[in-house]
Amino acid sequence: MKILDEMKNMENLELYILLAVLLFTLWFIRNTIKYYKGEKRNVKHLHRFAKEGEVDAQNHLAKRYHKGDMVKKSSQKAAFWSQKASFSGDTDAKEFLDTVIKKKKS
């Protein structure tokens, strides 16, 4: 009750609330941009590693293209990267390639 009494006595409570909302909004926008830039950097590194022949990167990149996760959704690119990974011997990539091809046909 003591806190409620003190809040009633505050003259500019609305300004404090508005300031808190503004600070939260700025914090939220900053962290959203930071997350987006980090994800874009991860995709850039995935492309680099996939081109160098790393099987896990190829498989992960194929799944990103299939879902449209931070890249433009493309079944063709998903199949391409999945095929490269499956040629390297990744059984998960071969199964994923089969599902991508089935979806593209239907």
PDB file of N, CA and C in Angstrom:
ATOM      1  N   MET A   1       0.817  -1.204   0.000  1.00  0.00           N
ATOM      2  CA  MET A   1       0.000   0.000   0.000  1.00  0.00           C
ATOM      3  C   MET A   1       0.852   1.256   0.000  1.00  0.00           C
ATOM      4  N   LYS A   2       2.005   1.162   0.612  1.00  0.00           N
ATOM      5  CA  LYS A   2       2.878   2.317   0.680  1.00  0.00           C
ATOM      6  C   LYS A   2       3.308   2.738  -0.727  1.00  0.00           C
ATOM      7  N   ILE A   3       3.561   1.750  -1.585  1.00  0.00           N
ATOM      8  CA  ILE A   3       3.980   2.039  -2.959  1.00  0.00           C
ATOM      9  C   ILE A   3       2.857   2.717  -3.727  1.00  0.00           C
ATOM     10  N   LEU A   4       1.624   2.228  -3.533  1.00  0.00           N
ATOM     11  CA  LEU A   4       0.485   2.842  -4.221  1.00  0.00           C
ATOM     12  C   LEU A   4       0.290   4.288  -3.787  1.00  0.00           C
ATOM     13  N   ASP A   5       0.473   4.553  -2.505  1.00  0.00           N
ATOM     14  CA  ASP A   5       0.356   5.930  -2.019  1.00  0.00           C
ATOM     15  C   ASP A   5       1.433   6.822  -2.635  1.00  0.00           C
ATOM     16  N   GLU A   6       2.643   6.278  -2.744  1.00  0.00           N
ATOM     17  CA  GLU A   6       3.713   7.066  -3.350  1.00  0.00           C
ATOM     18  C   GLU A   6       3.441   7.318  -4.826  1.00  0.00           C
ATOM     19  N   MET A   7       2.871   6.317  -5.506  1.00  0.00           N
ATOM     20  CA  MET A   7       2.565   6.492  -6.926  1.00  0.00           C
ATOM     21  C   MET A   7       1.470   7.534  -7.124  1.00  0.00           C
ATOM     22  N   LYS A   8       0.527   7.598  -6.226  1.00  0.00           N
ATOM     23  CA  LYS A   8      -0.528   8.602  -6.336  1.00  0.00           C
ATOM     24  C   LYS A   8       0.040  10.003  -6.176  1.00  0.00           C
ATOM     25  N   ASN A   9       1.082  10.099  -5.383  1.00  0.00           N
ATOM     26  CA  ASN A   9       1.683  11.398  -5.140  1.00  0.00           C
ATOM     27  C   ASN A   9       2.611  11.847  -6.273  1.00  0.00           C
ATOM     28  N   MET A  10       2.994  10.932  -7.133  1.00  0.00           N
ATOM     29  CA  MET A  10       3.879  11.300  -8.249  1.00  0.00           C
ATOM     30  C   MET A  10       3.102  12.156  -9.241  1.00  0.00           C
ATOM     31  N   GLU A  11       3.684  13.249  -9.599  1.00  0.00           N
ATOM     32  CA  GLU A  11       2.996  14.182 -10.487  1.00  0.00           C
ATOM     33  C   GLU A  11       3.094  13.752 -11.957  1.00  0.00           C
ATOM     34  N   ASN A  12       4.196  13.176 -12.323  1.00  0.00           N
ATOM     35  CA  ASN A  12       4.432  12.870 -13.733  1.00  0.00           C
ATOM     36  C   ASN A  12       4.520  11.368 -13.987  1.00  0.00           C
ATOM     37  N   LEU A  13       3.613  10.608 -13.433  1.00  0.00           N
ATOM     38  CA  LEU A  13       3.627   9.165 -13.583  1.00  0.00           C
ATOM     39  C   LEU A  13       3.495   8.767 -15.056  1.00  0.00           C
ATOM     40  N   GLU A  14       2.657   9.466 -15.798  1.00  0.00           N
ATOM     41  CA  GLU A  14       2.475   9.151 -17.211  1.00  0.00           C
ATOM     42  C   GLU A  14       3.771   9.323 -17.992  1.00  0.00           C
ATOM     43  N   LEU A  15       4.543  10.329 -17.639  1.00  0.00           N
ATOM     44  CA  LEU A  15       5.814  10.555 -18.325  1.00  0.00           C
ATOM     45  C   LEU A  15       6.803   9.433 -18.032  1.00  0.00           C
ATOM     46  N   TYR A  16       6.817   8.946 -16.794  1.00  0.00           N
ATOM     47  CA  TYR A  16       7.710   7.838 -16.438  1.00  0.00           C
ATOM     48  C   TYR A  16       7.311   6.557 -17.178  1.00  0.00           C
ATOM     49  N   ILE A  17       6.023   6.334 -17.268  1.00  0.00           N
ATOM     50  CA  ILE A  17       5.547   5.156 -17.997  1.00  0.00           C
ATOM     51  C   ILE A  17       5.894   5.280 -19.473  1.00  0.00           C
ATOM     52  N   LEU A  18       5.684   6.446 -20.050  1.00  0.00           N
ATOM     53  CA  LEU A  18       6.018   6.685 -21.450  1.00  0.00           C
ATOM     54  C   LEU A  18       7.516   6.516 -21.693  1.00  0.00           C
ATOM     55  N   LEU A  19       8.328   6.992 -20.781  1.00  0.00           N
ATOM     56  CA  LEU A  19       9.774   6.844 -20.904  1.00  0.00           C
ATOM     57  C   LEU A  19      10.170   5.364 -20.844  1.00  0.00           C
ATOM     58  N   ALA A  20       9.560   4.608 -19.938  1.00  0.00           N
ATOM     59  CA  ALA A  20       9.852   3.179 -19.837  1.00  0.00           C
ATOM     60  C   ALA A  20       9.451   2.439 -21.115  1.00  0.00           C
ATOM     61  N   VAL A  21       8.306   2.771 -21.678  1.00  0.00           N
ATOM     62  CA  VAL A  21       7.860   2.145 -22.929  1.00  0.00           C
ATOM     63  C   VAL A  21       8.801   2.515 -24.066  1.00  0.00           C
ATOM     64  N   LEU A  22       9.222   3.757 -24.123  1.00  0.00           N
ATOM     65  CA  LEU A  22      10.150   4.199 -25.157  1.00  0.00           C
ATOM     66  C   LEU A  22      11.484   3.470 -25.044  1.00  0.00           C
ATOM     67  N   LEU A  23      12.022   3.359 -23.837  1.00  0.00           N
ATOM     68  CA  LEU A  23      13.286   2.653 -23.640  1.00  0.00           C
ATOM     69  C   LEU A  23      13.166   1.173 -24.024  1.00  0.00           C
ATOM     70  N   PHE A  24      12.057   0.553 -23.644  1.00  0.00           N
ATOM     71  CA  PHE A  24      11.842  -0.838 -24.008  1.00  0.00           C
ATOM     72  C   PHE A  24      11.755  -0.997 -25.519  1.00  0.00           C
ATOM     73  N   THR A  25      11.068  -0.091 -26.195  1.00  0.00           N
ATOM     74  CA  THR A  25      10.933  -0.159 -27.650  1.00  0.00           C
ATOM     75  C   THR A  25      12.294  -0.014 -28.330  1.00  0.00           C
ATOM     76  N   LEU A  26      13.095   0.929 -27.876  1.00  0.00           N
ATOM     77  CA  LEU A  26      14.433   1.102 -28.441  1.00  0.00           C
ATOM     78  C   LEU A  26      15.299  -0.131 -28.207  1.00  0.00           C
ATOM     79  N   TRP A  27      15.237  -0.701 -27.014  1.00  0.00           N
ATOM     80  CA  TRP A  27      15.989  -1.920 -26.698  1.00  0.00           C
ATOM     81  C   TRP A  27      15.540  -3.065 -27.610  1.00  0.00           C
ATOM     82  N   PHE A  28      14.238  -3.210 -27.806  1.00  0.00           N
ATOM     83  CA  PHE A  28      13.684  -4.276 -28.621  1.00  0.00           C
ATOM     84  C   PHE A  28      14.116  -4.141 -30.083  1.00  0.00           C
ATOM     85  N   ILE A  29      14.062  -2.922 -30.612  1.00  0.00           N
ATOM     86  CA  ILE A  29      14.474  -2.677 -31.996  1.00  0.00           C
ATOM     87  C   ILE A  29      15.959  -2.978 -32.174  1.00  0.00           C
ATOM     88  N   ARG A  30      16.767  -2.540 -31.227  1.00  0.00           N
ATOM     89  CA  ARG A  30      18.211  -2.775 -31.305  1.00  0.00           C
ATOM     90  C   ARG A  30      18.525  -4.261 -31.312  1.00  0.00           C
ATOM     91  N   ASN A  31      17.910  -5.024 -30.434  1.00  0.00           N
ATOM     92  CA  ASN A  31      18.174  -6.455 -30.369  1.00  0.00           C
ATOM     93  C   ASN A  31      17.634  -7.197 -31.586  1.00  0.00           C
ATOM     94  N   THR A  32      16.534  -6.736 -32.155  1.00  0.00           N
ATOM     95  CA  THR A  32      16.002  -7.352 -33.359  1.00  0.00           C
ATOM     96  C   THR A  32      16.960  -7.151 -34.527  1.00  0.00           C
ATOM     97  N   ILE A  33      17.494  -5.963 -34.673  1.00  0.00           N
ATOM     98  CA  ILE A  33      18.455  -5.679 -35.742  1.00  0.00           C
ATOM     99  C   ILE A  33      19.730  -6.479 -35.525  1.00  0.00           C
ATOM    100  N   LYS A  34      20.177  -6.556 -34.294  1.00  0.00           N
ATOM    101  CA  LYS A  34      21.379  -7.320 -33.974  1.00  0.00           C
ATOM    102  C   LYS A  34      21.186  -8.802 -34.317  1.00  0.00           C
ATOM    103  N   TYR A  35      20.036  -9.360 -33.994  1.00  0.00           N
ATOM    104  CA  TYR A  35      19.735 -10.755 -34.312  1.00  0.00           C
ATOM    105  C   TYR A  35      19.699 -10.964 -35.825  1.00  0.00           C
ATOM    106  N   TYR A  36      19.042 -10.077 -36.549  1.00  0.00           N
ATOM    107  CA  TYR A  36      18.918 -10.186 -37.999  1.00  0.00           C
ATOM    108  C   TYR A  36      20.291 -10.151 -38.662  1.00  0.00           C
ATOM    109  N   LYS A  37      21.138  -9.224 -38.247  1.00  0.00           N
ATOM    110  CA  LYS A  37      22.483  -9.132 -38.822  1.00  0.00           C
ATOM    111  C   LYS A  37      23.296 -10.382 -38.513  1.00  0.00           C
ATOM    112  N   GLY A  38      23.143 -10.920 -37.319  1.00  0.00           N
ATOM    113  CA  GLY A  38      23.853 -12.148 -36.948  1.00  0.00           C
ATOM    114  C   GLY A  38      23.419 -13.326 -37.788  1.00  0.00           C
ATOM    115  N   GLU A  39      22.122 -13.436 -38.042  1.00  0.00           N
ATOM    116  CA  GLU A  39      21.619 -14.526 -38.872  1.00  0.00           C
ATOM    117  C   GLU A  39      22.095 -14.383 -40.316  1.00  0.00           C
ATOM    118  N   LYS A  40      22.101 -13.178 -40.828  1.00  0.00           N
ATOM    119  CA  LYS A  40      22.600 -12.956 -42.184  1.00  0.00           C
ATOM    120  C   LYS A  40      24.080 -13.334 -42.280  1.00  0.00           C
ATOM    121  N   ARG A  41      24.848 -13.016 -41.230  1.00  0.00           N
ATOM    122  CA  ARG A  41      26.264 -13.385 -41.194  1.00  0.00           C
ATOM    123  C   ARG A  41      26.407 -14.907 -41.173  1.00  0.00           C
ATOM    124  N   ASN A  42      25.541 -15.591 -40.423  1.00  0.00           N
ATOM    125  CA  ASN A  42      25.587 -17.047 -40.378  1.00  0.00           C
ATOM    126  C   ASN A  42      25.317 -17.656 -41.745  1.00  0.00           C
ATOM    127  N   VAL A  43      24.359 -17.101 -42.472  1.00  0.00           N
ATOM    128  CA  VAL A  43      24.044 -17.612 -43.808  1.00  0.00           C
ATOM    129  C   VAL A  43      25.230 -17.379 -44.746  1.00  0.00           C
ATOM    130  N   LYS A  44      25.872 -16.239 -44.615  1.00  0.00           N
ATOM    131  CA  LYS A  44      27.038 -15.943 -45.447  1.00  0.00           C
ATOM    132  C   LYS A  44      28.150 -16.962 -45.191  1.00  0.00           C
ATOM    133  N   HIS A  45      28.380 -17.274 -43.908  1.00  0.00           N
ATOM    134  CA  HIS A  45      29.397 -18.271 -43.565  1.00  0.00           C
ATOM    135  C   HIS A  45      28.992 -19.662 -44.046  1.00  0.00           C
ATOM    136  N   LEU A  46      27.703 -19.975 -43.968  1.00  0.00           N
ATOM    137  CA  LEU A  46      27.235 -21.268 -44.466  1.00  0.00           C
ATOM    138  C   LEU A  46      27.528 -21.417 -45.952  1.00  0.00           C
ATOM    139  N   HIS A  47      27.281 -20.362 -46.719  1.00  0.00           N
ATOM    140  CA  HIS A  47      27.579 -20.408 -48.153  1.00  0.00           C
ATOM    141  C   HIS A  47      29.070 -20.659 -48.388  1.00  0.00           C
ATOM    142  N   ARG A  48      29.890 -19.962 -47.629  1.00  0.00           N
ATOM    143  CA  ARG A  48      31.340 -20.111 -47.806  1.00  0.00           C
ATOM    144  C   ARG A  48      31.775 -21.539 -47.492  1.00  0.00           C
ATOM    145  N   PHE A  49      31.311 -22.069 -46.342  1.00  0.00           N
ATOM    146  CA  PHE A  49      31.695 -23.424 -45.957  1.00  0.00           C
ATOM    147  C   PHE A  49      31.112 -24.468 -46.906  1.00  0.00           C
ATOM    148  N   ALA A  50      29.895 -24.235 -47.377  1.00  0.00           N
ATOM    149  CA  ALA A  50      29.265 -25.186 -48.289  1.00  0.00           C
ATOM    150  C   ALA A  50      30.019 -25.232 -49.619  1.00  0.00           C
ATOM    151  N   LYS A  51      30.464 -24.077 -50.092  1.00  0.00           N
ATOM    152  CA  LYS A  51      31.228 -24.042 -51.342  1.00  0.00           C
ATOM    153  C   LYS A  51      32.589 -24.727 -51.194  1.00  0.00           C
ATOM    154  N   GLU A  52      33.120 -24.698 -49.956  1.00  0.00           N
ATOM    155  CA  GLU A  52      34.401 -25.363 -49.699  1.00  0.00           C
ATOM    156  C   GLU A  52      34.234 -26.878 -49.565  1.00  0.00           C
ATOM    157  N   GLY A  53      32.983 -27.351 -49.512  1.00  0.00           N
ATOM    158  CA  GLY A  53      32.745 -28.788 -49.488  1.00  0.00           C
ATOM    159  C   GLY A  53      32.384 -29.368 -48.132  1.00  0.00           C
ATOM    160  N   GLU A  54      32.101 -28.523 -47.136  1.00  0.00           N
ATOM    161  CA  GLU A  54      31.726 -29.041 -45.823  1.00  0.00           C
ATOM    162  C   GLU A  54      30.289 -29.583 -45.886  1.00  0.00           C
ATOM    163  N   VAL A  55      30.143 -30.866 -45.583  1.00  0.00           N
ATOM    164  CA  VAL A  55      28.874 -31.564 -45.764  1.00  0.00           C
ATOM    165  C   VAL A  55      27.785 -31.014 -44.840  1.00  0.00           C
ATOM    166  N   ASP A  56      28.122 -30.765 -43.580  1.00  0.00           N
ATOM    167  CA  ASP A  56      27.117 -30.247 -42.639  1.00  0.00           C
ATOM    168  C   ASP A  56      26.594 -28.881 -43.084  1.00  0.00           C
ATOM    169  N   ALA A  57      27.481 -28.047 -43.577  1.00  0.00           N
ATOM    170  CA  ALA A  57      27.067 -26.723 -44.050  1.00  0.00           C
ATOM    171  C   ALA A  57      26.161 -26.852 -45.264  1.00  0.00           C
ATOM    172  N   GLN A  58      26.484 -27.776 -46.166  1.00  0.00           N
ATOM    173  CA  GLN A  58      25.647 -27.980 -47.352  1.00  0.00           C
ATOM    174  C   GLN A  58      24.256 -28.447 -46.947  1.00  0.00           C
ATOM    175  N   ASN A  59      24.196 -29.386 -46.016  1.00  0.00           N
ATOM    176  CA  ASN A  59      22.914 -29.916 -45.556  1.00  0.00           C
ATOM    177  C   ASN A  59      22.096 -28.840 -44.849  1.00  0.00           C
ATOM    178  N   HIS A  60      22.753 -28.061 -44.000  1.00  0.00           N
ATOM    179  CA  HIS A  60      22.051 -27.002 -43.263  1.00  0.00           C
ATOM    180  C   HIS A  60      21.559 -25.911 -44.220  1.00  0.00           C
ATOM    181  N   LEU A  61      22.373 -25.590 -45.202  1.00  0.00           N
ATOM    182  CA  LEU A  61      21.982 -24.578 -46.185  1.00  0.00           C
ATOM    183  C   LEU A  61      20.799 -25.059 -47.010  1.00  0.00           C
ATOM    184  N   ALA A  62      20.785 -26.342 -47.345  1.00  0.00           N
ATOM    185  CA  ALA A  62      19.651 -26.903 -48.086  1.00  0.00           C
ATOM    186  C   ALA A  62      18.365 -26.767 -47.277  1.00  0.00           C
ATOM    187  N   LYS A  63      18.444 -27.026 -45.982  1.00  0.00           N
ATOM    188  CA  LYS A  63      17.251 -26.907 -45.131  1.00  0.00           C
ATOM    189  C   LYS A  63      16.800 -25.457 -45.010  1.00  0.00           C
ATOM    190  N   ARG A  64      17.749 -24.539 -44.964  1.00  0.00           N
ATOM    191  CA  ARG A  64      17.380 -23.116 -44.913  1.00  0.00           C
ATOM    192  C   ARG A  64      16.667 -22.685 -46.189  1.00  0.00           C
ATOM    193  N   TYR A  65      17.173 -23.132 -47.346  1.00  0.00           N
ATOM    194  CA  TYR A  65      16.512 -22.788 -48.608  1.00  0.00           C
ATOM    195  C   TYR A  65      15.136 -23.437 -48.702  1.00  0.00           C
ATOM    196  N   HIS A  66      15.005 -24.623 -48.172  1.00  0.00           N
ATOM    197  CA  HIS A  66      13.722 -25.307 -48.217  1.00  0.00           C
ATOM    198  C   HIS A  66      12.667 -24.574 -47.384  1.00  0.00           C
ATOM    199  N   LYS A  67      13.086 -24.087 -46.209  1.00  0.00           N
ATOM    200  CA  LYS A  67      12.152 -23.382 -45.318  1.00  0.00           C
ATOM    201  C   LYS A  67      12.010 -21.904 -45.662  1.00  0.00           C
ATOM    202  N   GLY A  68      13.014 -21.339 -46.329  1.00  0.00           N
ATOM    203  CA  GLY A  68      13.020 -19.899 -46.559  1.00  0.00           C
ATOM    204  C   GLY A  68      13.494 -19.169 -45.320  1.00  0.00           C
ATOM    205  N   ASP A  69      14.406 -19.783 -44.584  1.00  0.00           N
ATOM    206  CA  ASP A  69      14.903 -19.239 -43.320  1.00  0.00           C
ATOM    207  C   ASP A  69      16.095 -18.312 -43.580  1.00  0.00           C
ATOM    208  N   MET A  70      15.848 -17.020 -43.609  1.00  0.00           N
ATOM    209  CA  MET A  70      16.830 -15.958 -43.839  1.00  0.00           C
ATOM    210  C   MET A  70      17.402 -15.968 -45.261  1.00  0.00           C
ATOM    211  N   VAL A  71      16.820 -16.762 -46.141  1.00  0.00           N
ATOM    212  CA  VAL A  71      17.141 -16.764 -47.564  1.00  0.00           C
ATOM    213  C   VAL A  71      15.826 -16.863 -48.311  1.00  0.00           C
ATOM    214  N   LYS A  72      15.852 -16.523 -49.597  1.00  0.00           N
ATOM    215  CA  LYS A  72      14.639 -16.650 -50.389  1.00  0.00           C
ATOM    216  C   LYS A  72      14.338 -18.130 -50.602  1.00  0.00           C
ATOM    217  N   LYS A  73      13.112 -18.523 -50.326  1.00  0.00           N
ATOM    218  CA  LYS A  73      12.719 -19.920 -50.420  1.00  0.00           C
ATOM    219  C   LYS A  73      12.889 -20.409 -51.858  1.00  0.00           C
ATOM    220  N   SER A  74      13.621 -21.525 -52.000  1.00  0.00           N
ATOM    221  CA  SER A  74      13.890 -22.062 -53.333  1.00  0.00           C
ATOM    222  C   SER A  74      14.079 -23.568 -53.239  1.00  0.00           C
ATOM    223  N   SER A  75      13.152 -24.297 -53.816  1.00  0.00           N
ATOM    224  CA  SER A  75      13.274 -25.760 -53.832  1.00  0.00           C
ATOM    225  C   SER A  75      14.447 -26.191 -54.696  1.00  0.00           C
ATOM    226  N   GLN A  76      14.718 -25.433 -55.742  1.00  0.00           N
ATOM    227  CA  GLN A  76      15.816 -25.780 -56.634  1.00  0.00           C
ATOM    228  C   GLN A  76      17.162 -25.673 -55.914  1.00  0.00           C
ATOM    229  N   LYS A  77      17.379 -24.595 -55.174  1.00  0.00           N
ATOM    230  CA  LYS A  77      18.632 -24.436 -54.441  1.00  0.00           C
ATOM    231  C   LYS A  77      18.710 -25.429 -53.282  1.00  0.00           C
ATOM    232  N   ALA A  78      17.569 -25.713 -52.660  1.00  0.00           N
ATOM    233  CA  ALA A  78      17.548 -26.713 -51.594  1.00  0.00           C
ATOM    234  C   ALA A  78      17.954 -28.072 -52.144  1.00  0.00           C
ATOM    235  N   ALA A  79      17.436 -28.421 -53.303  1.00  0.00           N
ATOM    236  CA  ALA A  79      17.791 -29.701 -53.926  1.00  0.00           C
ATOM    237  C   ALA A  79      19.264 -29.713 -54.335  1.00  0.00           C
ATOM    238  N   PHE A  80      19.767 -28.589 -54.824  1.00  0.00           N
ATOM    239  CA  PHE A  80      21.168 -28.502 -55.246  1.00  0.00           C
ATOM    240  C   PHE A  80      22.103 -28.782 -54.078  1.00  0.00           C
ATOM    241  N   TRP A  81      21.893 -28.070 -52.950  1.00  0.00           N
ATOM    242  CA  TRP A  81      22.791 -28.238 -51.810  1.00  0.00           C
ATOM    243  C   TRP A  81      22.602 -29.595 -51.144  1.00  0.00           C
ATOM    244  N   SER A  82      21.404 -30.077 -51.148  1.00  0.00           N
ATOM    245  CA  SER A  82      21.161 -31.398 -50.590  1.00  0.00           C
ATOM    246  C   SER A  82      21.814 -32.478 -51.444  1.00  0.00           C
ATOM    247  N   GLN A  83      21.788 -32.295 -52.763  1.00  0.00           N
ATOM    248  CA  GLN A  83      22.422 -33.249 -53.670  1.00  0.00           C
ATOM    249  C   GLN A  83      23.937 -33.255 -53.474  1.00  0.00           C
ATOM    250  N   LYS A  84      24.525 -32.084 -53.320  1.00  0.00           N
ATOM    251  CA  LYS A  84      25.973 -32.018 -53.084  1.00  0.00           C
ATOM    252  C   LYS A  84      26.342 -32.729 -51.789  1.00  0.00           C
ATOM    253  N   ALA A  85      25.514 -32.545 -50.748  1.00  0.00           N
ATOM    254  CA  ALA A  85      25.797 -33.207 -49.470  1.00  0.00           C
ATOM    255  C   ALA A  85      25.592 -34.711 -49.583  1.00  0.00           C
ATOM    256  N   SER A  86      24.567 -35.132 -50.306  1.00  0.00           N
ATOM    257  CA  SER A  86      24.318 -36.568 -50.431  1.00  0.00           C
ATOM    258  C   SER A  86      25.401 -37.244 -51.275  1.00  0.00           C
ATOM    259  N   PHE A  87      25.956 -36.556 -52.268  1.00  0.00           N
ATOM    260  CA  PHE A  87      27.066 -37.106 -53.050  1.00  0.00           C
ATOM    261  C   PHE A  87      28.310 -37.288 -52.185  1.00  0.00           C
ATOM    262  N   SER A  88      28.408 -36.491 -51.120  1.00  0.00           N
ATOM    263  CA  SER A  88      29.541 -36.620 -50.205  1.00  0.00           C
ATOM    264  C   SER A  88      29.324 -37.740 -49.187  1.00  0.00           C
ATOM    265  N   GLY A  89      28.144 -38.361 -49.231  1.00  0.00           N
ATOM    266  CA  GLY A  89      27.895 -39.512 -48.368  1.00  0.00           C
ATOM    267  C   GLY A  89      26.988 -39.258 -47.188  1.00  0.00           C
ATOM    268  N   ASP A  90      26.357 -38.118 -47.105  1.00  0.00           N
ATOM    269  CA  ASP A  90      25.462 -37.814 -45.984  1.00  0.00           C
ATOM    270  C   ASP A  90      24.094 -38.459 -46.229  1.00  0.00           C
ATOM    271  N   THR A  91      23.715 -39.404 -45.369  1.00  0.00           N
ATOM    272  CA  THR A  91      22.443 -40.110 -45.555  1.00  0.00           C
ATOM    273  C   THR A  91      21.252 -39.215 -45.230  1.00  0.00           C
ATOM    274  N   ASP A  92      21.401 -38.314 -44.263  1.00  0.00           N
ATOM    275  CA  ASP A  92      20.310 -37.380 -43.938  1.00  0.00           C
ATOM    276  C   ASP A  92      20.003 -36.484 -45.139  1.00  0.00           C
ATOM    277  N   ALA A  93      21.049 -36.061 -45.824  1.00  0.00           N
ATOM    278  CA  ALA A  93      20.863 -35.205 -46.993  1.00  0.00           C
ATOM    279  C   ALA A  93      20.144 -35.955 -48.108  1.00  0.00           C
ATOM    280  N   LYS A  94      20.444 -37.241 -48.258  1.00  0.00           N
ATOM    281  CA  LYS A  94      19.772 -38.032 -49.293  1.00  0.00           C
ATOM    282  C   LYS A  94      18.278 -38.148 -48.997  1.00  0.00           C
ATOM    283  N   GLU A  95      17.930 -38.386 -47.726  1.00  0.00           N
ATOM    284  CA  GLU A  95      16.516 -38.455 -47.341  1.00  0.00           C
ATOM    285  C   GLU A  95      15.835 -37.102 -47.555  1.00  0.00           C
ATOM    286  N   PHE A  96      16.530 -36.042 -47.186  1.00  0.00           N
ATOM    287  CA  PHE A  96      15.976 -34.701 -47.358  1.00  0.00           C
ATOM    288  C   PHE A  96      15.782 -34.390 -48.839  1.00  0.00           C
ATOM    289  N   LEU A  97      16.738 -34.796 -49.662  1.00  0.00           N
ATOM    290  CA  LEU A  97      16.639 -34.582 -51.108  1.00  0.00           C
ATOM    291  C   LEU A  97      15.417 -35.297 -51.675  1.00  0.00           C
ATOM    292  N   ASP A  98      15.168 -36.499 -51.204  1.00  0.00           N
ATOM    293  CA  ASP A  98      13.986 -37.233 -51.668  1.00  0.00           C
ATOM    294  C   ASP A  98      12.701 -36.489 -51.321  1.00  0.00           C
ATOM    295  N   THR A  99      12.622 -35.915 -50.115  1.00  0.00           N
ATOM    296  CA  THR A  99      11.412 -35.179 -49.730  1.00  0.00           C
ATOM    297  C   THR A  99      11.260 -33.902 -50.537  1.00  0.00           C
ATOM    298  N   VAL A 100      12.367 -33.212 -50.814  1.00  0.00           N
ATOM    299  CA  VAL A 100      12.305 -31.976 -51.600  1.00  0.00           C
ATOM    300  C   VAL A 100      11.830 -32.287 -53.020  1.00  0.00           C
ATOM    301  N   ILE A 101      12.346 -33.349 -53.595  1.00  0.00           N
ATOM    302  CA  ILE A 101      11.945 -33.722 -54.956  1.00  0.00           C
ATOM    303  C   ILE A 101      10.481 -34.112 -54.996  1.00  0.00           C
ATOM    304  N   LYS A 102      10.009 -34.842 -53.994  1.00  0.00           N
ATOM    305  CA  LYS A 102       8.596 -35.228 -53.946  1.00  0.00           C
ATOM    306  C   LYS A 102       7.704 -33.999 -53.843  1.00  0.00           C
ATOM    307  N   LYS A 103       8.102 -33.018 -53.026  1.00  0.00           N
ATOM    308  CA  LYS A 103       7.300 -31.798 -52.869  1.00  0.00           C
ATOM    309  C   LYS A 103       7.280 -30.988 -54.162  1.00  0.00           C
ATOM    310  N   LYS A 104       8.415 -30.954 -54.867  1.00  0.00           N
ATOM    311  CA  LYS A 104       8.480 -30.178 -56.097  1.00  0.00           C
ATOM    312  C   LYS A 104       7.594 -30.792 -57.181  1.00  0.00           C
ATOM    313  N   LYS A 105       7.510 -32.132 -57.193  1.00  0.00           N
ATOM    314  CA  LYS A 105       6.674 -32.803 -58.189  1.00  0.00           C
ATOM    315  C   LYS A 105       5.184 -32.600 -57.923  1.00  0.00           C
ATOM    316  N   SER A 106       4.812 -32.483 -56.659  1.00  0.00           N
ATOM    317  CA  SER A 106       3.376 -32.334 -56.347  1.00  0.00           C
ATOM    318  C   SER A 106       2.926 -30.908 -56.327  1.00  0.00           C
TER     319      SER A 106
END
